[in-house]
């Protein structure tokens, strides 16, 4: 998937963060390509 944006602007990154009822999202890591270290 490719997402483009402009410097100083915003971009919407598709991410399904749904979880079972009663649970919560604690940590979301973004990886780029084959990098093994998260970029965000």
N, C-alpha and C. Protein backbone atom coordinates (compact mmCIF):
# COMPACT_ATOMS: atom_id res chain seq x y z
N UNK A 1 0.84 -1.16 0.00
CA UNK A 1 0.00 0.00 0.00
C UNK A 1 0.89 1.23 0.00
N UNK A 2 0.52 2.22 -0.75
CA UNK A 2 1.29 3.46 -0.82
C UNK A 2 0.41 4.62 -0.38
N UNK A 3 0.93 5.45 0.51
CA UNK A 3 0.22 6.64 0.99
C UNK A 3 1.13 7.82 0.75
N UNK A 4 0.60 8.89 0.17
CA UNK A 4 1.39 10.09 -0.10
C UNK A 4 0.85 11.26 0.69
N UNK A 5 1.74 12.20 1.02
CA UNK A 5 1.33 13.41 1.72
C UNK A 5 2.31 14.53 1.42
N UNK A 6 1.95 15.74 1.81
CA UNK A 6 2.80 16.90 1.61
C UNK A 6 3.43 17.31 2.92
N UNK A 7 4.65 17.84 2.86
CA UNK A 7 5.33 18.32 4.06
C UNK A 7 4.46 19.36 4.74
N UNK A 8 4.24 19.21 6.04
CA UNK A 8 3.42 20.14 6.79
C UNK A 8 1.94 19.82 6.73
N UNK A 9 1.57 18.85 5.91
CA UNK A 9 0.17 18.46 5.77
C UNK A 9 -0.11 17.19 6.55
N UNK A 10 -1.27 16.66 6.35
CA UNK A 10 -1.66 15.44 7.04
C UNK A 10 -1.86 14.31 6.05
N UNK A 11 -1.92 13.12 6.56
CA UNK A 11 -2.19 11.94 5.74
C UNK A 11 -2.96 10.95 6.60
N UNK A 12 -3.88 10.25 5.99
CA UNK A 12 -4.65 9.23 6.71
C UNK A 12 -4.03 7.87 6.40
N UNK A 13 -3.55 7.19 7.42
CA UNK A 13 -2.96 5.87 7.26
C UNK A 13 -3.97 4.82 7.70
N UNK A 14 -4.36 3.92 6.80
CA UNK A 14 -5.34 2.90 7.16
C UNK A 14 -4.76 1.93 8.19
N UNK A 15 -5.50 1.74 9.26
CA UNK A 15 -5.02 0.85 10.31
C UNK A 15 -6.23 0.31 11.06
N UNK A 16 -6.39 -0.99 11.07
CA UNK A 16 -7.49 -1.62 11.81
C UNK A 16 -7.04 -1.84 13.25
N UNK A 17 -7.58 -1.03 14.15
CA UNK A 17 -7.21 -1.16 15.57
C UNK A 17 -8.39 -1.69 16.38
N UNK A 18 -9.28 -2.43 15.71
CA UNK A 18 -10.41 -3.00 16.44
C UNK A 18 -9.91 -4.06 17.42
N UNK A 19 -10.65 -4.23 18.50
CA UNK A 19 -10.25 -5.18 19.53
C UNK A 19 -11.50 -5.73 20.21
N UNK A 20 -11.39 -6.83 20.90
CA UNK A 20 -12.55 -7.41 21.58
C UNK A 20 -13.10 -6.46 22.65
N UNK A 21 -14.40 -6.53 22.87
CA UNK A 21 -15.04 -5.71 23.89
C UNK A 21 -14.38 -5.96 25.24
N UNK A 22 -14.12 -4.90 25.98
CA UNK A 22 -13.50 -5.01 27.29
C UNK A 22 -11.98 -4.96 27.23
N UNK A 23 -11.43 -4.97 26.02
CA UNK A 23 -9.98 -4.90 25.85
C UNK A 23 -9.64 -3.49 25.37
N UNK A 24 -8.36 -3.13 25.33
CA UNK A 24 -7.97 -1.81 24.84
C UNK A 24 -6.64 -1.87 24.11
N UNK A 25 -6.44 -0.89 23.23
CA UNK A 25 -5.19 -0.78 22.50
C UNK A 25 -4.17 -0.09 23.40
N UNK A 26 -3.03 -0.71 23.62
CA UNK A 26 -2.00 -0.14 24.48
C UNK A 26 -0.81 0.39 23.69
N UNK A 27 -0.49 -0.24 22.57
CA UNK A 27 0.69 0.15 21.82
C UNK A 27 0.47 -0.14 20.34
N UNK A 28 0.78 0.84 19.51
CA UNK A 28 0.66 0.68 18.06
C UNK A 28 2.01 1.05 17.45
N UNK A 29 2.62 0.12 16.73
CA UNK A 29 3.93 0.36 16.11
C UNK A 29 3.78 0.35 14.60
N UNK A 30 4.45 1.29 13.94
CA UNK A 30 4.45 1.36 12.48
C UNK A 30 5.83 0.96 11.97
N UNK A 31 5.85 0.10 10.97
CA UNK A 31 7.09 -0.34 10.34
C UNK A 31 7.06 0.06 8.87
N UNK A 32 8.20 0.42 8.32
CA UNK A 32 8.28 0.81 6.91
C UNK A 32 9.06 -0.26 6.15
N UNK A 33 8.44 -0.79 5.10
CA UNK A 33 9.12 -1.78 4.27
C UNK A 33 9.62 -2.95 5.07
N UNK A 34 10.90 -3.27 4.90
CA UNK A 34 11.47 -4.42 5.60
C UNK A 34 12.23 -4.02 6.87
N UNK A 35 12.07 -2.77 7.32
CA UNK A 35 12.74 -2.34 8.55
C UNK A 35 12.26 -3.16 9.73
N UNK A 36 13.15 -3.47 10.64
CA UNK A 36 12.78 -4.23 11.83
C UNK A 36 12.64 -3.34 13.05
N UNK A 37 12.90 -2.04 12.88
CA UNK A 37 12.73 -1.06 13.95
C UNK A 37 11.53 -0.19 13.59
N UNK A 38 10.60 0.02 14.51
CA UNK A 38 9.43 0.84 14.19
C UNK A 38 9.83 2.29 13.89
N UNK A 39 9.08 2.93 12.98
CA UNK A 39 9.34 4.33 12.64
C UNK A 39 8.47 5.26 13.47
N UNK A 40 7.44 4.73 14.12
CA UNK A 40 6.57 5.55 14.96
C UNK A 40 5.95 4.68 16.00
